[in-house]
């Protein structure tokens, strides 16, 4: 099984998989609406606009596992993201990224080590995983790293399809 085979659902409940983005670089980010890091939506949206037509997509994954900072329904999450940050990138249904109910997508992603060599649990909201156009996890960026910091941009640019 590859990342492309893992069953997912969109925020509106439609079945999907990462195969819908095959051939693109993906930045998978666990997001939350009521977090101190929530303003990172702005940088994520700018990355989407900057690279979207070059084979890149941000994929937001709402998660309520960190201090209950994503309590809303799918409709509330969509409304907040659209109205507050103009989010145009796709959002998945709310998932668990850690613990006994960790979604299979995150069971795979959390095997990847960060730049310091640490793998394992997602630390907080807005942890970022870069996936190559071939569907391989290639970079793990911790939550406090802003989406537009130079190392994130360089990693994305290195994965853009030719």
N, C-alpha and C. Protein backbone atom coordinates (compact mmCIF):
# COMPACT_ATOMS: atom_id res chain seq x y z
N UNK A 1 0.84 -1.19 0.00
CA UNK A 1 0.00 0.00 0.00
C UNK A 1 0.88 1.25 0.00
N UNK A 2 0.51 2.23 -0.81
CA UNK A 2 1.23 3.51 -0.83
C UNK A 2 0.34 4.58 -0.21
N UNK A 3 0.90 5.76 -0.02
CA UNK A 3 0.09 6.87 0.48
C UNK A 3 -1.11 7.12 -0.43
N UNK A 4 -0.93 6.88 -1.73
CA UNK A 4 -2.01 7.11 -2.68
C UNK A 4 -3.21 6.18 -2.48
N UNK A 5 -3.01 5.06 -1.80
CA UNK A 5 -4.06 4.06 -1.63
C UNK A 5 -4.89 4.24 -0.35
N UNK A 6 -4.46 5.09 0.54
CA UNK A 6 -5.13 5.24 1.84
C UNK A 6 -6.47 5.97 1.66
N UNK A 7 -7.56 5.35 2.07
CA UNK A 7 -8.86 6.01 1.94
C UNK A 7 -8.96 7.24 2.83
N UNK A 8 -9.47 8.31 2.25
CA UNK A 8 -9.67 9.58 2.95
C UNK A 8 -11.05 10.10 2.60
N UNK A 9 -11.44 11.17 3.29
CA UNK A 9 -12.69 11.87 2.96
C UNK A 9 -12.40 13.37 2.95
N UNK A 10 -13.04 14.05 2.01
CA UNK A 10 -12.94 15.49 1.97
C UNK A 10 -13.70 16.07 3.17
N UNK A 11 -13.54 17.35 3.39
CA UNK A 11 -14.24 18.00 4.49
C UNK A 11 -15.76 17.89 4.31
N UNK A 12 -16.21 17.77 3.07
CA UNK A 12 -17.64 17.63 2.81
C UNK A 12 -18.10 16.18 2.83
N UNK A 13 -17.19 15.25 3.16
CA UNK A 13 -17.56 13.85 3.34
C UNK A 13 -17.42 12.98 2.11
N UNK A 14 -16.93 13.53 1.02
CA UNK A 14 -16.76 12.75 -0.21
C UNK A 14 -15.53 11.85 -0.11
N UNK A 15 -15.63 10.59 -0.58
CA UNK A 15 -14.45 9.72 -0.57
C UNK A 15 -13.37 10.27 -1.51
N UNK A 16 -12.11 10.16 -1.08
CA UNK A 16 -10.98 10.59 -1.91
C UNK A 16 -9.74 9.82 -1.46
N UNK A 17 -8.66 10.03 -2.16
CA UNK A 17 -7.34 9.54 -1.77
C UNK A 17 -6.33 10.57 -2.22
N UNK A 18 -5.10 10.40 -1.79
CA UNK A 18 -4.04 11.29 -2.27
C UNK A 18 -3.77 11.07 -3.76
N UNK A 19 -4.24 9.96 -4.32
CA UNK A 19 -4.07 9.71 -5.75
C UNK A 19 -4.72 10.82 -6.59
N UNK A 20 -5.69 11.52 -6.01
CA UNK A 20 -6.30 12.65 -6.71
C UNK A 20 -5.26 13.74 -6.99
N UNK A 21 -4.14 13.69 -6.30
CA UNK A 21 -3.07 14.68 -6.46
C UNK A 21 -1.79 14.06 -7.01
N UNK A 22 -1.90 12.86 -7.56
CA UNK A 22 -0.73 12.16 -8.11
C UNK A 22 0.00 13.09 -9.09
N UNK A 23 1.33 13.08 -8.99
CA UNK A 23 2.13 13.91 -9.88
C UNK A 23 2.35 15.33 -9.37
N UNK A 24 1.77 15.67 -8.23
CA UNK A 24 1.96 16.99 -7.63
C UNK A 24 2.78 16.86 -6.35
N UNK A 25 3.46 17.92 -6.01
CA UNK A 25 4.05 18.03 -4.68
C UNK A 25 2.92 18.43 -3.73
N UNK A 26 2.85 17.76 -2.59
CA UNK A 26 1.79 18.04 -1.61
C UNK A 26 2.40 18.48 -0.29
N UNK A 27 1.80 19.47 0.34
CA UNK A 27 2.17 19.84 1.69
C UNK A 27 0.96 19.52 2.56
N UNK A 28 1.05 18.42 3.32
CA UNK A 28 -0.04 17.97 4.18
C UNK A 28 0.16 18.60 5.56
N UNK A 29 -0.84 19.33 6.03
CA UNK A 29 -0.72 20.11 7.27
C UNK A 29 -1.93 19.85 8.16
N UNK A 30 -1.67 19.44 9.42
CA UNK A 30 -2.80 19.33 10.36
C UNK A 30 -3.11 20.73 10.87
N UNK A 31 -4.34 21.17 10.65
CA UNK A 31 -4.74 22.55 10.90
C UNK A 31 -5.76 22.64 12.03
N UNK A 32 -5.88 23.85 12.59
CA UNK A 32 -6.86 24.12 13.64
C UNK A 32 -7.26 25.58 13.58
N UNK A 33 -8.50 25.85 13.91
CA UNK A 33 -9.07 27.20 13.80
C UNK A 33 -8.86 28.07 15.03
N UNK A 34 -8.55 27.48 16.17
CA UNK A 34 -8.48 28.25 17.41
C UNK A 34 -7.12 28.10 18.09
N UNK A 35 -6.06 28.14 17.30
CA UNK A 35 -4.70 27.91 17.78
C UNK A 35 -3.88 29.19 17.60
N UNK A 36 -2.88 29.37 18.43
CA UNK A 36 -1.98 30.50 18.26
C UNK A 36 -1.26 30.47 16.92
N UNK A 37 -1.17 29.29 16.31
CA UNK A 37 -0.51 29.16 15.02
C UNK A 37 -1.49 29.27 13.84
N UNK A 38 -2.77 29.47 14.11
CA UNK A 38 -3.78 29.54 13.06
C UNK A 38 -3.45 30.57 11.97
N UNK A 39 -2.81 31.70 12.29
CA UNK A 39 -2.44 32.64 11.22
C UNK A 39 -1.52 32.03 10.15
N UNK A 40 -0.98 30.83 10.39
CA UNK A 40 -0.20 30.17 9.35
C UNK A 40 -1.05 29.86 8.12
N UNK A 41 -2.38 29.86 8.27
CA UNK A 41 -3.25 29.69 7.11
C UNK A 41 -2.90 30.72 6.02
N UNK A 42 -2.53 31.94 6.43
CA UNK A 42 -2.19 32.99 5.46
C UNK A 42 -1.01 32.57 4.60
N UNK A 43 0.06 32.08 5.23
CA UNK A 43 1.23 31.64 4.49
C UNK A 43 0.95 30.42 3.65
N UNK A 44 0.15 29.50 4.17
CA UNK A 44 -0.21 28.32 3.40
C UNK A 44 -0.99 28.71 2.15
N UNK A 45 -1.91 29.64 2.28
CA UNK A 45 -2.68 30.09 1.13
C UNK A 45 -1.79 30.81 0.11
N UNK A 46 -0.83 31.60 0.60
CA UNK A 46 0.10 32.25 -0.34
C UNK A 46 0.94 31.22 -1.09
N UNK A 47 1.38 30.15 -0.39
CA UNK A 47 2.11 29.08 -1.08
C UNK A 47 1.22 28.43 -2.14
N UNK A 48 -0.05 28.19 -1.80
CA UNK A 48 -0.98 27.60 -2.76
C UNK A 48 -1.10 28.47 -4.00
N UNK A 49 -1.25 29.76 -3.79
CA UNK A 49 -1.40 30.68 -4.93
C UNK A 49 -0.10 30.78 -5.74
N UNK A 50 1.03 30.77 -5.04
CA UNK A 50 2.33 30.92 -5.70
C UNK A 50 2.70 29.71 -6.54
N UNK A 51 2.42 28.50 -6.04
CA UNK A 51 2.89 27.29 -6.69
C UNK A 51 1.78 26.38 -7.24
N UNK A 52 0.53 26.72 -6.99
CA UNK A 52 -0.58 25.86 -7.39
C UNK A 52 -0.60 25.52 -8.87
N UNK A 53 -0.24 26.48 -9.71
CA UNK A 53 -0.25 26.21 -11.15
C UNK A 53 1.03 25.54 -11.62
N UNK A 54 1.92 25.22 -10.67
CA UNK A 54 3.18 24.56 -11.02
C UNK A 54 3.23 23.12 -10.47
N UNK A 55 2.07 22.57 -10.12
CA UNK A 55 2.03 21.19 -9.66
C UNK A 55 2.23 21.03 -8.16
N UNK A 56 1.62 21.93 -7.39
CA UNK A 56 1.74 21.91 -5.93
C UNK A 56 0.37 22.13 -5.32
N UNK A 57 0.11 21.44 -4.21
CA UNK A 57 -1.13 21.64 -3.47
C UNK A 57 -0.86 21.54 -1.98
N UNK A 58 -1.42 22.49 -1.24
CA UNK A 58 -1.51 22.36 0.22
C UNK A 58 -2.75 21.51 0.48
N UNK A 59 -2.67 20.62 1.44
CA UNK A 59 -3.81 19.80 1.84
C UNK A 59 -3.98 19.95 3.34
N UNK A 60 -5.05 20.63 3.75
CA UNK A 60 -5.31 20.86 5.16
C UNK A 60 -6.06 19.71 5.79
N UNK A 61 -5.61 19.30 6.98
CA UNK A 61 -6.22 18.19 7.70
C UNK A 61 -6.62 18.69 9.09
N UNK A 62 -7.87 19.11 9.27
CA UNK A 62 -8.30 19.55 10.59
C UNK A 62 -8.10 18.46 11.64
N UNK A 63 -7.67 18.88 12.82
CA UNK A 63 -7.40 17.94 13.91
C UNK A 63 -7.76 18.62 15.22
N UNK A 64 -8.48 17.91 16.09
CA UNK A 64 -8.91 18.47 17.37
C UNK A 64 -8.16 17.85 18.55
N UNK A 65 -6.99 17.26 18.30
CA UNK A 65 -6.27 16.55 19.36
C UNK A 65 -5.38 17.44 20.22
N UNK A 66 -5.20 18.68 19.86
CA UNK A 66 -4.29 19.55 20.60
C UNK A 66 -5.09 20.64 21.29
N UNK A 67 -5.36 20.41 22.57
CA UNK A 67 -6.10 21.36 23.42
C UNK A 67 -7.47 21.72 22.84
N UNK A 68 -8.08 20.81 22.09
CA UNK A 68 -9.43 21.04 21.56
C UNK A 68 -9.52 22.27 20.68
N UNK A 69 -8.48 22.54 19.89
CA UNK A 69 -8.42 23.79 19.14
C UNK A 69 -9.08 23.72 17.76
N UNK A 70 -9.71 22.59 17.43
CA UNK A 70 -10.51 22.48 16.20
C UNK A 70 -11.83 21.80 16.54
N UNK A 71 -12.68 22.50 17.34
CA UNK A 71 -13.91 21.87 17.83
C UNK A 71 -15.07 21.88 16.83
N UNK A 72 -14.98 22.67 15.78
CA UNK A 72 -16.12 22.91 14.90
C UNK A 72 -16.52 21.75 14.04
N UNK A 73 -17.72 21.89 13.48
CA UNK A 73 -18.23 20.94 12.49
C UNK A 73 -17.52 21.19 11.16
N UNK A 74 -17.71 20.30 10.22
CA UNK A 74 -17.12 20.49 8.89
C UNK A 74 -17.56 21.82 8.29
N UNK A 75 -18.84 22.15 8.43
CA UNK A 75 -19.36 23.41 7.89
C UNK A 75 -18.72 24.61 8.56
N UNK A 76 -18.56 24.54 9.88
CA UNK A 76 -17.93 25.66 10.61
C UNK A 76 -16.47 25.82 10.21
N UNK A 77 -15.76 24.72 10.04
CA UNK A 77 -14.36 24.77 9.64
C UNK A 77 -14.25 25.40 8.25
N UNK A 78 -15.06 24.94 7.30
CA UNK A 78 -15.03 25.47 5.94
C UNK A 78 -15.34 26.95 5.93
N UNK A 79 -16.37 27.35 6.66
CA UNK A 79 -16.77 28.75 6.71
C UNK A 79 -15.66 29.61 7.30
N UNK A 80 -15.06 29.16 8.40
CA UNK A 80 -13.97 29.90 9.04
C UNK A 80 -12.79 30.07 8.08
N UNK A 81 -12.38 28.97 7.45
CA UNK A 81 -11.21 29.01 6.56
C UNK A 81 -11.45 29.92 5.37
N UNK A 82 -12.64 29.86 4.81
CA UNK A 82 -12.97 30.69 3.64
C UNK A 82 -13.09 32.16 4.02
N UNK A 83 -13.88 32.43 5.05
CA UNK A 83 -14.16 33.82 5.41
C UNK A 83 -12.97 34.52 6.03
N UNK A 84 -12.21 33.82 6.87
CA UNK A 84 -11.13 34.46 7.62
C UNK A 84 -9.83 34.50 6.83
N UNK A 85 -9.52 33.43 6.10
CA UNK A 85 -8.22 33.35 5.43
C UNK A 85 -8.31 33.14 3.92
N UNK A 86 -9.50 33.09 3.36
CA UNK A 86 -9.65 32.92 1.92
C UNK A 86 -9.04 31.62 1.41
N UNK A 87 -9.09 30.58 2.23
CA UNK A 87 -8.46 29.31 1.89
C UNK A 87 -9.09 28.73 0.62
N UNK A 88 -8.22 28.43 -0.36
CA UNK A 88 -8.68 27.83 -1.61
C UNK A 88 -8.18 26.40 -1.76
N UNK A 89 -7.24 25.99 -0.90
CA UNK A 89 -6.71 24.63 -1.01
C UNK A 89 -7.69 23.64 -0.37
N UNK A 90 -7.59 22.36 -0.77
CA UNK A 90 -8.54 21.36 -0.26
C UNK A 90 -8.32 21.06 1.22
N UNK A 91 -9.42 20.73 1.87
CA UNK A 91 -9.42 20.32 3.27
C UNK A 91 -10.03 18.92 3.38
N UNK A 92 -9.43 18.10 4.21
CA UNK A 92 -9.97 16.77 4.48
C UNK A 92 -10.86 16.82 5.71
N UNK A 93 -11.52 15.70 5.98
CA UNK A 93 -12.31 15.60 7.20
C UNK A 93 -11.36 15.65 8.41
N UNK A 94 -11.93 15.94 9.55
CA UNK A 94 -11.15 15.98 10.79
C UNK A 94 -10.59 14.59 11.08
N UNK A 95 -9.28 14.51 11.37
CA UNK A 95 -8.61 13.24 11.63
C UNK A 95 -7.83 13.30 12.93
N UNK A 96 -7.57 12.11 13.50
CA UNK A 96 -6.61 11.99 14.59
C UNK A 96 -5.24 11.75 13.98
N UNK A 97 -4.24 12.49 14.44
CA UNK A 97 -2.88 12.36 13.92
C UNK A 97 -1.98 11.60 14.87
N UNK A 98 -2.41 11.41 16.11
CA UNK A 98 -1.66 10.69 17.13
C UNK A 98 -2.58 9.71 17.86
N UNK A 99 -1.98 8.82 18.64
CA UNK A 99 -2.74 7.97 19.54
C UNK A 99 -3.31 6.73 18.89
N UNK A 100 -4.14 6.03 19.67
CA UNK A 100 -4.71 4.75 19.25
C UNK A 100 -5.57 4.87 18.00
N UNK A 101 -6.19 6.02 17.80
CA UNK A 101 -7.07 6.22 16.65
C UNK A 101 -6.39 7.00 15.52
N UNK A 102 -5.05 7.03 15.55
CA UNK A 102 -4.30 7.74 14.51
C UNK A 102 -4.73 7.22 13.13
N UNK A 103 -5.04 8.14 12.24
CA UNK A 103 -5.46 7.77 10.89
C UNK A 103 -4.29 7.10 10.16
N UNK A 104 -4.57 6.11 9.30
CA UNK A 104 -3.49 5.44 8.56
C UNK A 104 -2.58 6.39 7.78
N UNK A 105 -3.10 7.51 7.30
CA UNK A 105 -2.24 8.48 6.61
C UNK A 105 -1.14 8.97 7.55
N UNK A 106 -1.53 9.30 8.78
CA UNK A 106 -0.54 9.80 9.74
C UNK A 106 0.30 8.68 10.34
N UNK A 107 -0.21 7.45 10.33
CA UNK A 107 0.62 6.32 10.75
C UNK A 107 1.83 6.21 9.82
N UNK A 108 1.63 6.50 8.54
CA UNK A 108 2.74 6.48 7.58
C UNK A 108 3.58 7.75 7.69
N UNK A 109 2.94 8.91 7.71
CA UNK A 109 3.69 10.17 7.71
C UNK A 109 4.59 10.31 8.93
N UNK A 110 4.12 9.87 10.10
CA UNK A 110 4.89 10.08 11.32
C UNK A 110 6.11 9.16 11.42
N UNK A 111 6.27 8.26 10.46
CA UNK A 111 7.51 7.47 10.40
C UNK A 111 8.68 8.33 9.91
N UNK A 112 8.36 9.42 9.21
CA UNK A 112 9.38 10.29 8.64
C UNK A 112 10.00 11.16 9.74
N UNK A 113 11.32 11.22 9.75
CA UNK A 113 12.03 12.05 10.72
C UNK A 113 12.10 13.49 10.23
N UNK A 114 12.18 14.41 11.19
CA UNK A 114 12.38 15.82 10.85
C UNK A 114 13.87 16.09 10.60
N UNK A 115 14.24 17.34 10.42
CA UNK A 115 15.63 17.70 10.11
C UNK A 115 16.60 17.32 11.24
N UNK A 116 16.07 17.18 12.46
CA UNK A 116 16.91 16.80 13.60
C UNK A 116 16.94 15.29 13.81
N UNK A 117 16.26 14.53 12.96
CA UNK A 117 16.27 13.08 13.06
C UNK A 117 15.18 12.50 13.94
N UNK A 118 14.23 13.34 14.36
CA UNK A 118 13.16 12.87 15.25
C UNK A 118 11.91 12.50 14.43
N UNK A 119 11.45 11.27 14.62
CA UNK A 119 10.20 10.83 14.02
C UNK A 119 9.17 10.71 15.13
N UNK A 120 8.05 10.06 14.86
CA UNK A 120 7.05 9.84 15.90
C UNK A 120 5.92 10.85 15.87
N UNK A 121 5.27 11.00 17.01
CA UNK A 121 4.05 11.79 17.10
C UNK A 121 4.20 13.20 16.53
N UNK A 122 3.07 13.68 15.98
CA UNK A 122 2.94 15.08 15.58
C UNK A 122 3.00 15.90 16.87
N UNK A 123 3.78 16.99 16.86
CA UNK A 123 3.98 17.77 18.08
C UNK A 123 2.82 18.69 18.41
N UNK A 124 2.19 19.30 17.38
CA UNK A 124 1.15 20.28 17.62
C UNK A 124 0.45 20.57 16.29
N UNK A 125 -0.50 21.49 16.31
CA UNK A 125 -1.16 21.92 15.08
C UNK A 125 -0.14 22.54 14.13
N UNK A 126 -0.39 22.41 12.86
CA UNK A 126 0.40 23.02 11.79
C UNK A 126 1.77 22.36 11.59
N UNK A 127 1.86 21.07 11.91
CA UNK A 127 3.04 20.30 11.50
C UNK A 127 2.84 19.97 10.02
N UNK A 128 3.94 20.08 9.25
CA UNK A 128 3.85 19.99 7.80
C UNK A 128 4.65 18.80 7.28
N UNK A 129 4.05 18.06 6.34
CA UNK A 129 4.72 16.94 5.68
C UNK A 129 4.71 17.21 4.19
N UNK A 130 5.89 17.23 3.58
CA UNK A 130 6.00 17.43 2.14
C UNK A 130 6.08 16.07 1.47
N UNK A 131 5.23 15.87 0.48
CA UNK A 131 5.16 14.61 -0.25
C UNK A 131 5.55 14.89 -1.70
N UNK A 132 6.43 14.07 -2.23
CA UNK A 132 6.93 14.24 -3.60
C UNK A 132 5.83 13.92 -4.62
N UNK A 133 6.02 14.35 -5.87
CA UNK A 133 5.06 14.00 -6.92
C UNK A 133 4.92 12.48 -7.13
N UNK A 134 5.89 11.71 -6.66
CA UNK A 134 5.81 10.24 -6.74
C UNK A 134 5.09 9.63 -5.54
N UNK A 135 4.64 10.46 -4.61
CA UNK A 135 3.89 9.98 -3.46
C UNK A 135 4.73 9.56 -2.28
N UNK A 136 5.98 10.01 -2.22
CA UNK A 136 6.88 9.67 -1.12
C UNK A 136 7.03 10.84 -0.15
N UNK A 137 6.91 10.62 1.16
CA UNK A 137 7.18 11.69 2.11
C UNK A 137 8.67 12.05 2.05
N UNK A 138 8.96 13.33 1.89
CA UNK A 138 10.36 13.76 1.72
C UNK A 138 10.84 14.77 2.75
N UNK A 139 9.92 15.44 3.45
CA UNK A 139 10.34 16.42 4.46
C UNK A 139 9.25 16.54 5.52
N UNK A 140 9.72 16.74 6.75
CA UNK A 140 8.83 16.95 7.88
C UNK A 140 9.24 18.27 8.52
N UNK A 141 8.28 19.17 8.61
CA UNK A 141 8.56 20.52 9.11
C UNK A 141 7.70 20.74 10.35
N UNK A 142 8.34 21.04 11.44
CA UNK A 142 7.64 21.17 12.72
C UNK A 142 6.72 22.40 12.76
N UNK A 143 5.78 22.42 13.70
CA UNK A 143 4.70 23.41 13.71
C UNK A 143 5.13 24.88 13.74
N UNK A 144 6.15 25.21 14.49
CA UNK A 144 6.49 26.63 14.63
C UNK A 144 7.22 27.20 13.42
N UNK A 145 7.62 26.36 12.49
CA UNK A 145 8.25 26.84 11.26
C UNK A 145 7.15 27.39 10.36
N UNK A 146 7.27 28.68 10.04
CA UNK A 146 6.27 29.34 9.21
C UNK A 146 6.29 28.76 7.79
N UNK A 147 5.13 28.69 7.13
CA UNK A 147 5.06 28.08 5.81
C UNK A 147 5.98 28.71 4.76
N UNK A 148 6.26 30.01 4.89
CA UNK A 148 7.05 30.68 3.87
C UNK A 148 8.52 30.87 4.25
N UNK A 149 8.97 30.20 5.32
CA UNK A 149 10.39 30.28 5.66
C UNK A 149 11.21 29.65 4.54
N UNK A 150 12.44 30.11 4.42
CA UNK A 150 13.28 29.74 3.27
C UNK A 150 13.45 28.24 3.13
N UNK A 151 13.59 27.50 4.24
CA UNK A 151 13.80 26.06 4.11
C UNK A 151 12.55 25.34 3.59
N UNK A 152 11.38 25.87 3.92
CA UNK A 152 10.14 25.27 3.43
C UNK A 152 9.99 25.55 1.94
N UNK A 153 10.21 26.80 1.55
CA UNK A 153 10.11 27.18 0.14
C UNK A 153 11.11 26.39 -0.69
N UNK A 154 12.34 26.26 -0.20
CA UNK A 154 13.36 25.50 -0.95
C UNK A 154 12.96 24.04 -1.10
N UNK A 155 12.40 23.46 -0.05
CA UNK A 155 11.98 22.06 -0.11
C UNK A 155 10.84 21.89 -1.12
N UNK A 156 9.88 22.81 -1.11
CA UNK A 156 8.76 22.76 -2.07
C UNK A 156 9.29 22.89 -3.49
N UNK A 157 10.13 23.90 -3.71
CA UNK A 157 10.64 24.14 -5.06
C UNK A 157 11.42 22.93 -5.59
N UNK A 158 12.12 22.23 -4.70
CA UNK A 158 12.88 21.04 -5.12
C UNK A 158 11.96 19.90 -5.54
N UNK A 159 10.70 19.94 -5.11
CA UNK A 159 9.77 18.85 -5.42
C UNK A 159 8.79 19.18 -6.54
N UNK A 160 8.80 20.42 -7.01
CA UNK A 160 7.85 20.78 -8.08
C UNK A 160 8.13 19.94 -9.32
N UNK A 161 7.08 19.42 -9.94
CA UNK A 161 7.30 18.62 -11.15
C UNK A 161 7.94 19.45 -12.25
N UNK A 162 8.76 18.82 -13.06
CA UNK A 162 9.47 19.55 -14.12
C UNK A 162 8.52 20.05 -15.19
